[in-house]
Every structure is written in C-alpha cells, then in structure tokens.
Amino acid sequence: MPDPEPSGDRAILTVTLTNRLEKEFDLSIEEVNAFLDWYDARDAGAGPAKFAIDKHNNNKGPFSSRKEYVIFDKILTFSIDEYSAKE
C-alpha cells in the first residue's frame, strides 16, 4: 500500500521516541516531506542517523537559530496531522 502524500500546506509532526517521550513540531509540508525522505532513506540504510528540525517560533532567547535533532533508532512512531494555514 503506497504512503499518502501530504495535501495541506502545514502539519503537526508528532514523534514518539522509544522512551515514550513525545515531541511535537509545527512544520511546513516541505519540512514534513524532508523528514519523510530522510526517514525512508535511513530505513533503507542510507543517510545520517540524525535529522534536524527547525524550532521556528520557539526560537526564544538570543539565538539566531534553534534546531532539535531526532535520532532514527530512537523513533518508535510518528504521526502527521495536516492542516491548511491559507484562508
């Protein structure tokens, strides 16, 4: 069964780690697709073990950029909840 392609312009990516900790990210569909491409490549044995997710609006403090890294073998599950931010 083929994986469905995202159809909204934004999505909430929720990653559940093997220790049951959940991480939630509000991302553009392009960022979600980049995550899916990385995940599929890593699952096939190619690419880096970690993936950087830009924290965007959570950029509190004096930082010019904040990224959170997820590690492939620490991901138990993930879900994608799409939505449209366009009026």
N, C-alpha and C. Protein backbone atom coordinates (compact mmCIF):
# COMPACT_ATOMS: atom_id res chain seq x y z
N MET A 1 0.85 -1.18 0.00
CA MET A 1 0.00 0.00 0.00
C MET A 1 0.89 1.24 0.00
N PRO A 2 0.73 2.16 -0.95
CA PRO A 2 1.58 3.35 -1.01
C PRO A 2 1.27 4.32 0.12
N ASP A 3 2.31 5.05 0.53
CA ASP A 3 2.12 6.07 1.56
C ASP A 3 1.40 7.26 0.93
N PRO A 4 0.41 7.83 1.62
CA PRO A 4 -0.26 9.01 1.07
C PRO A 4 0.66 10.22 1.11
N GLU A 5 0.59 11.04 0.09
CA GLU A 5 1.36 12.28 0.05
C GLU A 5 0.61 13.36 0.82
N PRO A 6 1.29 14.20 1.57
CA PRO A 6 0.63 15.30 2.27
C PRO A 6 -0.09 16.22 1.28
N SER A 7 -1.26 16.75 1.69
CA SER A 7 -2.03 17.61 0.79
C SER A 7 -2.27 19.00 1.36
N GLY A 8 -2.08 19.23 2.67
CA GLY A 8 -2.22 20.57 3.24
C GLY A 8 -0.94 21.34 3.06
N ASP A 9 -0.89 22.59 3.54
CA ASP A 9 0.36 23.36 3.42
C ASP A 9 1.19 23.35 4.70
N ARG A 10 0.61 22.85 5.80
CA ARG A 10 1.34 22.73 7.07
C ARG A 10 0.89 21.45 7.76
N ALA A 11 1.67 21.04 8.76
CA ALA A 11 1.31 19.83 9.51
C ALA A 11 1.96 19.86 10.89
N ILE A 12 1.32 19.17 11.79
CA ILE A 12 1.91 18.91 13.10
C ILE A 12 2.54 17.52 13.01
N LEU A 13 3.86 17.48 13.15
CA LEU A 13 4.59 16.21 13.18
C LEU A 13 4.79 15.85 14.64
N THR A 14 4.25 14.73 15.04
CA THR A 14 4.43 14.23 16.41
C THR A 14 5.29 12.98 16.34
N VAL A 15 6.43 13.04 17.00
CA VAL A 15 7.38 11.93 17.02
C VAL A 15 7.36 11.32 18.43
N THR A 16 7.06 10.04 18.50
CA THR A 16 7.12 9.32 19.77
C THR A 16 8.42 8.52 19.79
N LEU A 17 9.22 8.79 20.82
CA LEU A 17 10.52 8.14 20.95
C LEU A 17 10.38 6.81 21.69
N THR A 18 11.41 5.99 21.62
CA THR A 18 11.37 4.68 22.25
C THR A 18 11.19 4.75 23.77
N ASN A 19 11.53 5.90 24.38
CA ASN A 19 11.32 6.06 25.82
C ASN A 19 9.92 6.63 26.11
N ARG A 20 9.06 6.69 25.06
CA ARG A 20 7.67 7.16 25.12
C ARG A 20 7.52 8.67 25.21
N LEU A 21 8.62 9.41 25.17
CA LEU A 21 8.58 10.86 25.13
C LEU A 21 8.05 11.29 23.77
N GLU A 22 7.12 12.27 23.76
CA GLU A 22 6.58 12.78 22.51
C GLU A 22 7.13 14.17 22.23
N LYS A 23 7.53 14.38 20.98
CA LYS A 23 7.99 15.68 20.51
C LYS A 23 7.03 16.12 19.43
N GLU A 24 6.60 17.38 19.49
CA GLU A 24 5.64 17.90 18.52
C GLU A 24 6.23 19.12 17.83
N PHE A 25 6.09 19.15 16.49
CA PHE A 25 6.65 20.23 15.69
C PHE A 25 5.60 20.72 14.70
N ASP A 26 5.45 22.04 14.58
CA ASP A 26 4.56 22.66 13.60
C ASP A 26 5.43 23.03 12.41
N LEU A 27 5.24 22.33 11.28
CA LEU A 27 6.14 22.45 10.14
C LEU A 27 5.40 22.72 8.84
N SER A 28 6.14 23.25 7.87
CA SER A 28 5.60 23.36 6.52
C SER A 28 5.58 21.96 5.90
N ILE A 29 4.78 21.79 4.87
CA ILE A 29 4.74 20.49 4.19
C ILE A 29 6.09 20.15 3.59
N GLU A 30 6.83 21.16 3.14
CA GLU A 30 8.17 20.91 2.61
C GLU A 30 9.07 20.31 3.69
N GLU A 31 8.97 20.82 4.90
CA GLU A 31 9.77 20.27 6.01
C GLU A 31 9.33 18.85 6.36
N VAL A 32 8.02 18.61 6.34
CA VAL A 32 7.50 17.26 6.60
C VAL A 32 8.01 16.29 5.54
N ASN A 33 7.96 16.73 4.27
CA ASN A 33 8.46 15.87 3.19
C ASN A 33 9.95 15.59 3.34
N ALA A 34 10.72 16.57 3.79
CA ALA A 34 12.15 16.36 4.03
C ALA A 34 12.34 15.32 5.13
N PHE A 35 11.54 15.38 6.19
CA PHE A 35 11.60 14.39 7.26
C PHE A 35 11.27 13.01 6.71
N LEU A 36 10.19 12.90 5.93
CA LEU A 36 9.78 11.61 5.37
C LEU A 36 10.86 11.04 4.44
N ASP A 37 11.45 11.90 3.62
CA ASP A 37 12.54 11.46 2.72
C ASP A 37 13.72 10.94 3.53
N TRP A 38 14.09 11.69 4.59
CA TRP A 38 15.20 11.25 5.45
C TRP A 38 14.85 9.91 6.10
N TYR A 39 13.64 9.81 6.65
CA TYR A 39 13.24 8.60 7.37
C TYR A 39 13.27 7.38 6.45
N ASP A 40 12.70 7.54 5.24
CA ASP A 40 12.68 6.42 4.29
C ASP A 40 14.08 6.02 3.86
N ALA A 41 14.94 7.02 3.61
CA ALA A 41 16.33 6.72 3.21
C ALA A 41 17.06 6.01 4.35
N ARG A 42 16.89 6.51 5.57
CA ARG A 42 17.57 5.91 6.71
C ARG A 42 17.07 4.49 6.95
N ASP A 43 15.76 4.28 6.77
CA ASP A 43 15.18 2.96 6.93
C ASP A 43 15.77 1.99 5.91
N ALA A 44 16.15 2.50 4.73
CA ALA A 44 16.77 1.69 3.68
C ALA A 44 18.28 1.54 3.90
N GLY A 45 18.81 2.16 4.98
CA GLY A 45 20.22 2.02 5.31
C GLY A 45 21.11 3.12 4.79
N ALA A 46 20.53 4.19 4.25
CA ALA A 46 21.33 5.29 3.72
C ALA A 46 21.09 6.56 4.53
N GLY A 47 22.06 7.44 4.51
CA GLY A 47 21.89 8.74 5.14
C GLY A 47 22.28 8.77 6.60
N PRO A 48 22.24 9.98 7.17
CA PRO A 48 22.68 10.17 8.56
C PRO A 48 21.69 9.59 9.57
N ALA A 49 22.17 9.30 10.76
CA ALA A 49 21.35 8.74 11.83
C ALA A 49 20.46 9.78 12.49
N LYS A 50 20.78 11.07 12.29
CA LYS A 50 20.00 12.13 12.96
C LYS A 50 19.40 13.07 11.91
N PHE A 51 18.32 13.74 12.33
CA PHE A 51 17.63 14.70 11.47
C PHE A 51 17.35 15.95 12.28
N ALA A 52 17.70 17.12 11.72
CA ALA A 52 17.49 18.39 12.41
C ALA A 52 16.13 18.96 12.06
N ILE A 53 15.38 19.38 13.07
CA ILE A 53 14.08 20.02 12.88
C ILE A 53 14.18 21.43 13.43
N ASP A 54 13.88 22.41 12.59
CA ASP A 54 13.92 23.82 12.98
C ASP A 54 12.77 24.10 13.93
N LYS A 55 13.08 24.75 15.04
CA LYS A 55 12.05 25.04 16.05
C LYS A 55 11.27 26.33 15.76
N HIS A 56 11.61 27.06 14.71
CA HIS A 56 10.88 28.23 14.22
C HIS A 56 10.42 29.18 15.32
N ASN A 57 9.11 29.23 15.56
CA ASN A 57 8.52 30.19 16.51
C ASN A 57 8.90 29.92 17.96
N ASN A 58 9.53 28.81 18.22
CA ASN A 58 10.01 28.52 19.57
C ASN A 58 11.43 29.03 19.77
N ASN A 59 11.85 29.94 18.91
CA ASN A 59 13.20 30.49 18.97
C ASN A 59 13.27 31.58 20.04
N LYS A 60 13.20 31.18 21.27
CA LYS A 60 13.23 32.11 22.41
C LYS A 60 14.68 32.40 22.80
N GLY A 61 14.91 33.61 23.20
CA GLY A 61 16.25 33.97 23.67
C GLY A 61 17.09 34.63 22.60
N PRO A 62 18.38 34.71 22.83
CA PRO A 62 19.27 35.46 21.95
C PRO A 62 19.78 34.65 20.75
N PHE A 63 19.14 33.52 20.44
CA PHE A 63 19.65 32.62 19.43
C PHE A 63 19.25 33.05 18.03
N SER A 64 20.13 32.86 17.07
CA SER A 64 19.79 33.15 15.68
C SER A 64 19.07 31.96 15.04
N SER A 65 19.21 30.79 15.66
CA SER A 65 18.57 29.58 15.15
C SER A 65 18.53 28.54 16.26
N ARG A 66 17.45 27.75 16.29
CA ARG A 66 17.37 26.62 17.22
C ARG A 66 16.86 25.41 16.46
N LYS A 67 17.56 24.31 16.60
CA LYS A 67 17.16 23.07 15.96
C LYS A 67 17.14 21.96 16.99
N GLU A 68 16.21 21.05 16.80
CA GLU A 68 16.15 19.86 17.64
C GLU A 68 16.44 18.67 16.73
N TYR A 69 17.24 17.75 17.20
CA TYR A 69 17.62 16.59 16.42
C TYR A 69 16.88 15.36 16.91
N VAL A 70 16.35 14.59 15.97
CA VAL A 70 15.77 13.29 16.31
C VAL A 70 16.70 12.22 15.75
N ILE A 71 16.84 11.15 16.50
CA ILE A 71 17.75 10.06 16.14
C ILE A 71 16.91 8.89 15.62
N PHE A 72 17.27 8.40 14.44
CA PHE A 72 16.46 7.39 13.76
C PHE A 72 16.12 6.20 14.65
N ASP A 73 17.12 5.61 15.29
CA ASP A 73 16.84 4.38 16.04
C ASP A 73 16.16 4.64 17.39
N LYS A 74 15.88 5.91 17.70
CA LYS A 74 15.14 6.25 18.92
C LYS A 74 13.67 6.57 18.62
N ILE A 75 13.28 6.54 17.33
CA ILE A 75 11.90 6.83 16.94
C ILE A 75 11.09 5.55 17.00
N LEU A 76 10.02 5.57 17.81
CA LEU A 76 9.11 4.44 17.90
C LEU A 76 8.02 4.59 16.84
N THR A 77 7.36 5.74 16.82
CA THR A 77 6.33 6.04 15.83
C THR A 77 6.35 7.53 15.54
N PHE A 78 5.65 7.92 14.48
CA PHE A 78 5.40 9.33 14.24
C PHE A 78 4.06 9.48 13.55
N SER A 79 3.44 10.65 13.73
CA SER A 79 2.18 10.93 13.06
C SER A 79 2.26 12.32 12.43
N ILE A 80 1.47 12.51 11.38
CA ILE A 80 1.44 13.77 10.66
C ILE A 80 -0.02 14.20 10.57
N ASP A 81 -0.33 15.33 11.16
CA ASP A 81 -1.68 15.90 11.13
C ASP A 81 -1.64 17.16 10.28
N GLU A 82 -2.14 17.05 9.06
CA GLU A 82 -2.06 18.15 8.11
C GLU A 82 -3.18 19.17 8.35
N TYR A 83 -2.87 20.41 8.01
CA TYR A 83 -3.85 21.48 8.03
C TYR A 83 -3.46 22.53 7.02
N SER A 84 -4.39 23.41 6.72
CA SER A 84 -4.10 24.49 5.79
C SER A 84 -4.12 25.81 6.54
N ALA A 85 -3.05 26.59 6.38
CA ALA A 85 -2.97 27.89 7.03
C ALA A 85 -3.50 28.98 6.11
N LYS A 86 -3.83 28.61 4.87
CA LYS A 86 -4.35 29.59 3.90
C LYS A 86 -5.80 29.84 4.15
N GLU A 87 -6.21 31.05 3.98
CA GLU A 87 -7.61 31.44 4.17
C GLU A 87 -8.41 31.17 2.93
